[in-house]
Amino acid sequence: MNRPLIKITGVLSLVLAITSCRVDPNSAGYEYMPDMYRSPALEAYVDYGSNKHMDWTLAQKSEAGVTMKLSRKPAPGTVPFMEADMKRAEKLTTAGSSFMIFPYTLKNTPEDYERSAMEVKSPLLSNKANIEKGAELYQHMCAHCHGKEGKGDGAISASGKIVAPDYPGKLKDLQEGKMYHSITYGKGLMGSHASQLTKLERWQVVEYVKCLQKGVAAPTYDNNGMVVFAAASPAEASTEETMAKP
């Protein structure tokens, strides 16, 4: 009874051996479910359409009237949710962490620059954590122009390429809203830093610049970690009052 089975097995083996031989040395032979391991290389953010159109060229799609719907930007006013950033911001702010996700509504116009002085206020606590982080960011992003202590004597300014205003002098009364607006959109020769600094980081830089405006590059803090500025001497106060009079 085993002879027929042996004969059948032998014939099948012979047929398999013959069909497995190929004249073309580059042939991979028969492939079982090739799509499982020979999948098309898909690029991110590219809409290939349905499976029917996936391997078509742009010319073929255009000729057939197939419209590609590439990835689109979120609708204006869309609010992202970044849980990790929100939790971190809650510990550093006086106004909660909502400023982290809501869009900055003022535009890059002279009118909105002036509006920022009155309408844009720092949501951060003027504490050690914010100011020290702001100082670190300032040294990386700002000191090359404005100088390490904000006196407008950075390496680029010293070379004569630009003239950076100093914070303890010309910009000592610049409002924090205008600072944030300038970092976001740029001002004069300074370009926008919105792509390099997050909203939280921009405000932390502003918190440190507020110290530089008072001529304090290394501020001191109270027991709660809040910044403390020494009271102005009577002579300094008298000078400031004289300068403020018309």
C-alpha atoms as a PDB file:
ATOM      1  CA  MET A   1       0.000   0.000   0.000  1.00  0.00           C
ATOM      2  CA  ASN A   2       2.972   2.256   0.471  1.00  0.00           C
ATOM      3  CA  ARG A   3       4.221   1.871  -3.103  1.00  0.00           C
ATOM      4  CA  PRO A   4       1.640   4.196  -4.692  1.00  0.00           C
ATOM      5  CA  LEU A   5       2.340   6.798  -2.023  1.00  0.00           C
ATOM      6  CA  ILE A   6       6.061   6.516  -2.624  1.00  0.00           C
ATOM      7  CA  LYS A   7       5.548   6.859  -6.387  1.00  0.00           C
ATOM      8  CA  ILE A   8       3.345   9.938  -5.944  1.00  0.00           C
ATOM      9  CA  THR A   9       5.827  11.509  -3.563  1.00  0.00           C
ATOM     10  CA  GLY A  10       8.654  10.856  -5.987  1.00  0.00           C
ATOM     11  CA  VAL A  11       6.770  12.373  -8.928  1.00  0.00           C
ATOM     12  CA  LEU A  12       5.853  15.467  -6.915  1.00  0.00           C
ATOM     13  CA  SER A  13       9.452  15.869  -5.777  1.00  0.00           C
ATOM     14  CA  LEU A  14      10.654  15.607  -9.370  1.00  0.00           C
ATOM     15  CA  VAL A  15       8.116  18.164 -10.574  1.00  0.00           C
ATOM     16  CA  LEU A  16       9.057  20.517  -7.741  1.00  0.00           C
ATOM     17  CA  ALA A  17      12.728  20.174  -8.515  1.00  0.00           C
ATOM     18  CA  ILE A  18      12.167  20.887 -12.207  1.00  0.00           C
ATOM     19  CA  THR A  19       9.935  23.906 -11.632  1.00  0.00           C
ATOM     20  CA  SER A  20      12.376  25.300  -9.100  1.00  0.00           C
ATOM     21  CA  CYS A  21      15.108  25.570 -11.684  1.00  0.00           C
ATOM     22  CA  ARG A  22      15.289  28.855 -13.521  1.00  0.00           C
ATOM     23  CA  VAL A  23      17.430  29.926 -16.423  1.00  0.00           C
ATOM     24  CA  ASP A  24      17.468  33.553 -15.240  1.00  0.00           C
ATOM     25  CA  PRO A  25      20.037  33.782 -12.401  1.00  0.00           C
ATOM     26  CA  ASN A  26      18.362  36.968 -11.120  1.00  0.00           C
ATOM     27  CA  SER A  27      14.997  35.334 -10.670  1.00  0.00           C
ATOM     28  CA  ALA A  28      13.827  34.903  -7.113  1.00  0.00           C
ATOM     29  CA  GLY A  29      11.600  32.031  -8.100  1.00  0.00           C
ATOM     30  CA  TYR A  30       8.063  31.809  -6.867  1.00  0.00           C
ATOM     31  CA  GLU A  31       7.110  34.114  -4.004  1.00  0.00           C
ATOM     32  CA  TYR A  32       4.477  33.251  -1.450  1.00  0.00           C
ATOM     33  CA  MET A  33       2.413  36.315  -0.499  1.00  0.00           C
ATOM     34  CA  PRO A  34       5.032  38.838  -1.693  1.00  0.00           C
ATOM     35  CA  ASP A  35       3.145  41.830  -0.213  1.00  0.00           C
ATOM     36  CA  MET A  36       3.901  40.493   3.254  1.00  0.00           C
ATOM     37  CA  TYR A  37       7.620  41.176   2.928  1.00  0.00           C
ATOM     38  CA  ARG A  38       7.923  43.281  -0.226  1.00  0.00           C
ATOM     39  CA  SER A  39       5.742  46.162   0.956  1.00  0.00           C
ATOM     40  CA  PRO A  40       5.913  49.537  -0.792  1.00  0.00           C
ATOM     41  CA  ALA A  41       8.029  52.231   0.876  1.00  0.00           C
ATOM     42  CA  LEU A  42       5.580  54.855   2.089  1.00  0.00           C
ATOM     43  CA  GLU A  43       6.622  58.391   2.982  1.00  0.00           C
ATOM     44  CA  ALA A  44       5.201  60.215   5.960  1.00  0.00           C
ATOM     45  CA  TYR A  45       2.692  63.007   5.310  1.00  0.00           C
ATOM     46  CA  VAL A  46       2.004  61.774   1.765  1.00  0.00           C
ATOM     47  CA  ASP A  47      -1.484  60.748   0.752  1.00  0.00           C
ATOM     48  CA  TYR A  48      -1.180  57.821  -1.634  1.00  0.00           C
ATOM     49  CA  GLY A  49      -4.913  57.443  -2.005  1.00  0.00           C
ATOM     50  CA  SER A  50      -6.554  54.033  -2.135  1.00  0.00           C
ATOM     51  CA  ASN A  51      -4.679  50.791  -2.745  1.00  0.00           C
ATOM     52  CA  LYS A  52      -5.765  50.985  -6.370  1.00  0.00           C
ATOM     53  CA  HIS A  53      -3.846  54.230  -6.908  1.00  0.00           C
ATOM     54  CA  MET A  54      -0.950  53.637  -4.526  1.00  0.00           C
ATOM     55  CA  ASP A  55       1.586  52.622  -7.191  1.00  0.00           C
ATOM     56  CA  TRP A  56       0.453  55.157  -9.775  1.00  0.00           C
ATOM     57  CA  THR A  57       2.731  57.997 -10.805  1.00  0.00           C
ATOM     58  CA  LEU A  58       1.629  61.602 -10.436  1.00  0.00           C
ATOM     59  CA  ALA A  59       1.087  61.736 -14.204  1.00  0.00           C
ATOM     60  CA  GLN A  60      -1.166  58.690 -14.090  1.00  0.00           C
ATOM     61  CA  LYS A  61      -3.171  60.119 -11.201  1.00  0.00           C
ATOM     62  CA  SER A  62      -3.520  63.447 -12.977  1.00  0.00           C
ATOM     63  CA  GLU A  63      -4.611  61.785 -16.205  1.00  0.00           C
ATOM     64  CA  ALA A  64      -7.197  59.692 -14.359  1.00  0.00           C
ATOM     65  CA  GLY A  65      -8.477  62.696 -12.410  1.00  0.00           C
ATOM     66  CA  VAL A  66      -7.389  61.305  -9.033  1.00  0.00           C
ATOM     67  CA  THR A  67      -7.055  64.198  -6.580  1.00  0.00           C
ATOM     68  CA  MET A  68      -4.438  63.823  -3.857  1.00  0.00           C
ATOM     69  CA  LYS A  69      -5.317  65.199  -0.447  1.00  0.00           C
ATOM     70  CA  LEU A  70      -2.010  65.849   1.259  1.00  0.00           C
ATOM     71  CA  SER A  71      -1.756  66.370   5.009  1.00  0.00           C
ATOM     72  CA  ARG A  72      -3.145  69.733   5.988  1.00  0.00           C
ATOM     73  CA  LYS A  73      -2.395  72.165   8.755  1.00  0.00           C
ATOM     74  CA  PRO A  74      -4.803  72.269  11.695  1.00  0.00           C
ATOM     75  CA  ALA A  75      -7.657  74.733  11.424  1.00  0.00           C
ATOM     76  CA  PRO A  76      -6.918  78.261  12.697  1.00  0.00           C
ATOM     77  CA  GLY A  77      -7.346  78.483  16.446  1.00  0.00           C
ATOM     78  CA  THR A  78      -6.772  74.772  17.007  1.00  0.00           C
ATOM     79  CA  VAL A  79      -5.474  74.213  20.532  1.00  0.00           C
ATOM     80  CA  PRO A  80      -2.971  71.372  21.037  1.00  0.00           C
ATOM     81  CA  PHE A  81      -2.769  69.488  24.323  1.00  0.00           C
ATOM     82  CA  MET A  82       0.684  68.776  25.705  1.00  0.00           C
ATOM     83  CA  GLU A  83       0.198  67.108  29.063  1.00  0.00           C
ATOM     84  CA  ALA A  84       3.867  67.045  30.075  1.00  0.00           C
ATOM     85  CA  ASP A  85       4.355  70.743  29.273  1.00  0.00           C
ATOM     86  CA  MET A  86       1.113  71.655  31.011  1.00  0.00           C
ATOM     87  CA  LYS A  87       2.128  69.937  34.244  1.00  0.00           C
ATOM     88  CA  ARG A  88       5.555  71.580  34.151  1.00  0.00           C
ATOM     89  CA  ALA A  89       4.079  75.021  33.506  1.00  0.00           C
ATOM     90  CA  GLU A  90       1.585  74.733  36.369  1.00  0.00           C
ATOM     91  CA  LYS A  91       4.465  74.773  38.859  1.00  0.00           C
ATOM     92  CA  LEU A  92       6.020  77.909  37.388  1.00  0.00           C
ATOM     93  CA  THR A  93       3.128  80.229  36.649  1.00  0.00           C
ATOM     94  CA  THR A  94       0.751  82.581  38.368  1.00  0.00           C
ATOM     95  CA  ALA A  95      -1.979  82.201  35.745  1.00  0.00           C
ATOM     96  CA  GLY A  96      -2.115  78.446  35.311  1.00  0.00           C
ATOM     97  CA  SER A  97      -0.771  76.696  32.248  1.00  0.00           C
ATOM     98  CA  SER A  98      -3.355  77.797  29.695  1.00  0.00           C
ATOM     99  CA  PHE A  99      -0.875  80.215  28.085  1.00  0.00           C
ATOM    100  CA  MET A 100       1.079  77.173  26.921  1.00  0.00           C
ATOM    101  CA  ILE A 101      -1.613  76.011  24.552  1.00  0.00           C
ATOM    102  CA  PHE A 102      -3.624  79.057  23.546  1.00  0.00           C
ATOM    103  CA  PRO A 103      -2.298  80.859  20.462  1.00  0.00           C
ATOM    104  CA  TYR A 104      -0.640  84.268  20.698  1.00  0.00           C
ATOM    105  CA  THR A 105      -3.284  86.448  19.062  1.00  0.00           C
ATOM    106  CA  LEU A 106      -1.416  89.707  18.467  1.00  0.00           C
ATOM    107  CA  LYS A 107      -0.072  90.166  14.959  1.00  0.00           C
ATOM    108  CA  ASN A 108       3.322  91.267  13.727  1.00  0.00           C
ATOM    109  CA  THR A 109       2.295  94.880  13.193  1.00  0.00           C
ATOM    110  CA  PRO A 110       3.429  98.190  14.738  1.00  0.00           C
ATOM    111  CA  GLU A 111      -0.050  98.634  16.201  1.00  0.00           C
ATOM    112  CA  ASP A 112      -0.027  95.252  17.944  1.00  0.00           C
ATOM    113  CA  TYR A 113       3.525  95.847  19.154  1.00  0.00           C
ATOM    114  CA  GLU A 114       2.222  98.884  21.027  1.00  0.00           C
ATOM    115  CA  ARG A 115      -0.819  96.929  22.238  1.00  0.00           C
ATOM    116  CA  SER A 116       1.446  94.266  23.710  1.00  0.00           C
ATOM    117  CA  ALA A 117       2.753  96.773  26.256  1.00  0.00           C
ATOM    118  CA  MET A 118      -0.653  96.957  27.919  1.00  0.00           C
ATOM    119  CA  GLU A 119      -2.292  93.642  27.054  1.00  0.00           C
ATOM    120  CA  VAL A 120       0.490  91.074  27.371  1.00  0.00           C
ATOM    121  CA  LYS A 121       1.651  90.226  30.887  1.00  0.00           C
ATOM    122  CA  SER A 122       4.027  87.576  32.127  1.00  0.00           C
ATOM    123  CA  PRO A 123       2.198  84.517  33.472  1.00  0.00           C
ATOM    124  CA  LEU A 124       5.305  83.330  35.300  1.00  0.00           C
ATOM    125  CA  LEU A 125       6.391  83.670  38.887  1.00  0.00           C
ATOM    126  CA  SER A 126       9.504  85.799  39.293  1.00  0.00           C
ATOM    127  CA  ASN A 127      11.225  83.002  41.134  1.00  0.00           C
ATOM    128  CA  LYS A 128      14.572  81.274  41.095  1.00  0.00           C
ATOM    129  CA  ALA A 129      13.494  78.420  38.821  1.00  0.00           C
ATOM    130  CA  ASN A 130      12.209  80.719  36.082  1.00  0.00           C
ATOM    131  CA  ILE A 131      14.953  83.325  36.301  1.00  0.00           C
ATOM    132  CA  GLU A 132      17.824  80.835  36.371  1.00  0.00           C
ATOM    133  CA  LYS A 133      16.371  78.979  33.389  1.00  0.00           C
ATOM    134  CA  GLY A 134      15.888  82.324  31.659  1.00  0.00           C
ATOM    135  CA  ALA A 135      19.501  83.252  32.373  1.00  0.00           C
ATOM    136  CA  GLU A 136      20.687  79.990  30.826  1.00  0.00           C
ATOM    137  CA  LEU A 137      18.597  80.532  27.707  1.00  0.00           C
ATOM    138  CA  TYR A 138      19.665  84.180  27.507  1.00  0.00           C
ATOM    139  CA  GLN A 139      23.356  83.242  27.464  1.00  0.00           C
ATOM    140  CA  HIS A 140      22.728  80.793  24.622  1.00  0.00           C
ATOM    141  CA  MET A 141      20.320  82.866  22.530  1.00  0.00           C
ATOM    142  CA  CYS A 142      20.844  86.554  23.350  1.00  0.00           C
ATOM    143  CA  ALA A 143      24.242  87.296  24.889  1.00  0.00           C
ATOM    144  CA  HIS A 144      26.108  87.271  21.563  1.00  0.00           C
ATOM    145  CA  CYS A 145      24.333  90.545  20.700  1.00  0.00           C
ATOM    146  CA  HIS A 146      23.028  92.050  23.935  1.00  0.00           C
ATOM    147  CA  GLY A 147      26.028  91.029  26.052  1.00  0.00           C
ATOM    148  CA  LYS A 148      26.269  88.778  29.082  1.00  0.00           C
ATOM    149  CA  GLU A 149      24.851  91.471  31.364  1.00  0.00           C
ATOM    150  CA  GLY A 150      22.544  93.022  28.789  1.00  0.00           C
ATOM    151  CA  LYS A 151      24.728  96.073  28.147  1.00  0.00           C
ATOM    152  CA  GLY A 152      24.676  95.757  24.368  1.00  0.00           C
ATOM    153  CA  ASP A 153      28.310  94.677  24.219  1.00  0.00           C
ATOM    154  CA  GLY A 154      28.022  91.140  22.897  1.00  0.00           C
ATOM    155  CA  ALA A 155      30.569  89.705  20.476  1.00  0.00           C
ATOM    156  CA  ILE A 156      28.501  90.564  17.389  1.00  0.00           C
ATOM    157  CA  SER A 157      27.799  94.079  18.630  1.00  0.00           C
ATOM    158  CA  ALA A 158      31.456  94.614  19.500  1.00  0.00           C
ATOM    159  CA  SER A 159      32.436  93.669  15.966  1.00  0.00           C
ATOM    160  CA  GLY A 160      30.411  96.583  14.645  1.00  0.00           C
ATOM    161  CA  LYS A 161      28.003  94.415  12.681  1.00  0.00           C
ATOM    162  CA  ILE A 162      25.003  95.646  14.666  1.00  0.00           C
ATOM    163  CA  VAL A 163      24.205  98.001  17.507  1.00  0.00           C
ATOM    164  CA  ALA A 164      22.271  96.191  20.234  1.00  0.00           C
ATOM    165  CA  PRO A 165      20.479  98.410  22.768  1.00  0.00           C
ATOM    166  CA  ASP A 166      21.337  97.802  26.412  1.00  0.00           C
ATOM    167  CA  TYR A 167      18.753  96.763  28.960  1.00  0.00           C
ATOM    168  CA  PRO A 168      20.003  98.762  31.986  1.00  0.00           C
ATOM    169  CA  GLY A 169      20.084 101.886  29.793  1.00  0.00           C
ATOM    170  CA  LYS A 170      17.973 102.505  26.720  1.00  0.00           C
ATOM    171  CA  LEU A 171      15.616  99.566  27.349  1.00  0.00           C
ATOM    172  CA  LYS A 172      15.355  99.807  31.140  1.00  0.00           C
ATOM    173  CA  ASP A 173      11.670 100.758  30.922  1.00  0.00           C
ATOM    174  CA  LEU A 174      10.711  98.401  28.087  1.00  0.00           C
ATOM    175  CA  GLN A 175       7.511  96.596  29.067  1.00  0.00           C
ATOM    176  CA  GLU A 176       7.537  92.820  29.405  1.00  0.00           C
ATOM    177  CA  GLY A 177       4.771  92.511  26.817  1.00  0.00           C
ATOM    178  CA  LYS A 178       6.920  94.229  24.200  1.00  0.00           C
ATOM    179  CA  MET A 179       9.828  91.947  25.086  1.00  0.00           C
ATOM    180  CA  TYR A 180       7.719  88.854  24.529  1.00  0.00           C
ATOM    181  CA  HIS A 181       6.283  90.284  21.306  1.00  0.00           C
ATOM    182  CA  SER A 182       9.800  91.046  20.028  1.00  0.00           C
ATOM    183  CA  ILE A 183      11.098  87.573  20.837  1.00  0.00           C
ATOM    184  CA  THR A 184       8.080  86.037  19.114  1.00  0.00           C
ATOM    185  CA  TYR A 185       8.150  88.096  15.915  1.00  0.00           C
ATOM    186  CA  GLY A 186      11.557  89.751  15.917  1.00  0.00           C
ATOM    187  CA  LYS A 187      12.332  93.452  16.120  1.00  0.00           C
ATOM    188  CA  GLY A 188      14.622  95.498  13.903  1.00  0.00           C
ATOM    189  CA  LEU A 189      17.694  93.423  13.055  1.00  0.00           C
ATOM    190  CA  MET A 190      16.700  90.725  15.554  1.00  0.00           C
ATOM    191  CA  GLY A 191      14.838  87.876  13.919  1.00  0.00           C
ATOM    192  CA  SER A 192      12.021  85.840  15.387  1.00  0.00           C
ATOM    193  CA  HIS A 193      13.005  83.285  18.021  1.00  0.00           C
ATOM    194  CA  ALA A 194       9.610  81.561  18.105  1.00  0.00           C
ATOM    195  CA  SER A 195      11.007  78.459  16.415  1.00  0.00           C
ATOM    196  CA  GLN A 196      13.911  78.193  18.870  1.00  0.00           C
ATOM    197  CA  LEU A 197      12.135  79.015  22.115  1.00  0.00           C
ATOM    198  CA  THR A 198       8.827  77.669  23.386  1.00  0.00           C
ATOM    199  CA  LYS A 199       6.283  80.046  24.907  1.00  0.00           C
ATOM    200  CA  LEU A 200       7.431  79.051  28.378  1.00  0.00           C
ATOM    201  CA  GLU A 201      11.091  79.592  27.479  1.00  0.00           C
ATOM    202  CA  ARG A 202      10.359  83.019  25.966  1.00  0.00           C
ATOM    203  CA  TRP A 203       8.719  84.148  29.182  1.00  0.00           C
ATOM    204  CA  GLN A 204      11.607  82.752  31.216  1.00  0.00           C
ATOM    205  CA  VAL A 205      14.021  84.838  29.143  1.00  0.00           C
ATOM    206  CA  VAL A 206      11.818  87.870  29.789  1.00  0.00           C
ATOM    207  CA  GLU A 207      11.944  87.200  33.538  1.00  0.00           C
ATOM    208  CA  TYR A 208      15.738  87.284  33.431  1.00  0.00           C
ATOM    209  CA  VAL A 209      15.838  90.371  31.194  1.00  0.00           C
ATOM    210  CA  LYS A 210      13.678  92.158  33.779  1.00  0.00           C
ATOM    211  CA  CYS A 211      16.556  91.587  36.203  1.00  0.00           C
ATOM    212  CA  LEU A 212      19.084  92.939  33.703  1.00  0.00           C
ATOM    213  CA  GLN A 213      16.958  96.071  33.314  1.00  0.00           C
ATOM    214  CA  LYS A 214      17.682  96.751  36.989  1.00  0.00           C
ATOM    215  CA  GLY A 215      21.383  96.116  36.444  1.00  0.00           C
ATOM    216  CA  VAL A 216      21.230  92.787  38.292  1.00  0.00           C
ATOM    217  CA  ALA A 217      22.850  89.901  36.426  1.00  0.00           C
ATOM    218  CA  ALA A 218      22.959  87.637  39.501  1.00  0.00           C
ATOM    219  CA  PRO A 219      19.756  88.236  41.489  1.00  0.00           C
ATOM    220  CA  THR A 220      19.123  87.082  45.030  1.00  0.00           C
ATOM    221  CA  TYR A 221      16.045  85.269  46.330  1.00  0.00           C
ATOM    222  CA  ASP A 222      14.071  85.049  49.548  1.00  0.00           C
ATOM    223  CA  ASN A 223      13.290  81.882  51.481  1.00  0.00           C
ATOM    224  CA  ASN A 224      10.420  81.109  49.119  1.00  0.00           C
ATOM    225  CA  GLY A 225      12.635  81.366  46.063  1.00  0.00           C
ATOM    226  CA  MET A 226      11.159  84.688  44.922  1.00  0.00           C
ATOM    227  CA  VAL A 227      13.509  87.303  43.482  1.00  0.00           C
ATOM    228  CA  VAL A 228      14.476  90.194  45.763  1.00  0.00           C
ATOM    229  CA  PHE A 229      15.842  93.518  44.531  1.00  0.00           C
ATOM    230  CA  ALA A 230      17.643  95.898  46.835  1.00  0.00           C
ATOM    231  CA  ALA A 231      15.824  99.177  47.424  1.00  0.00           C
ATOM    232  CA  ALA A 232      17.267 102.153  45.555  1.00  0.00           C
ATOM    233  CA  SER A 233      19.390 104.500  47.613  1.00  0.00           C
ATOM    234  CA  PRO A 234      17.973 108.009  48.337  1.00  0.00           C
ATOM    235  CA  ALA A 235      20.490 109.530  45.931  1.00  0.00           C
ATOM    236  CA  GLU A 236      19.503 107.138  43.127  1.00  0.00           C
ATOM    237  CA  ALA A 237      15.787 107.684  43.788  1.00  0.00           C
ATOM    238  CA  SER A 238      16.282 111.460  43.708  1.00  0.00           C
ATOM    239  CA  THR A 239      18.161 111.199  40.404  1.00  0.00           C
ATOM    240  CA  GLU A 240      15.436 109.055  38.875  1.00  0.00           C
ATOM    241  CA  GLU A 241      12.734 111.475  40.001  1.00  0.00           C
ATOM    242  CA  THR A 242      14.665 114.409  38.527  1.00  0.00           C
ATOM    243  CA  MET A 243      15.106 112.600  35.217  1.00  0.00           C
ATOM    244  CA  ALA A 244      11.397 111.717  35.159  1.00  0.00           C
ATOM    245  CA  LYS A 245      10.306 115.361  35.499  1.00  0.00           C
ATOM    246  CA  PRO A 246       9.547 117.200  32.223  1.00  0.00           C
END
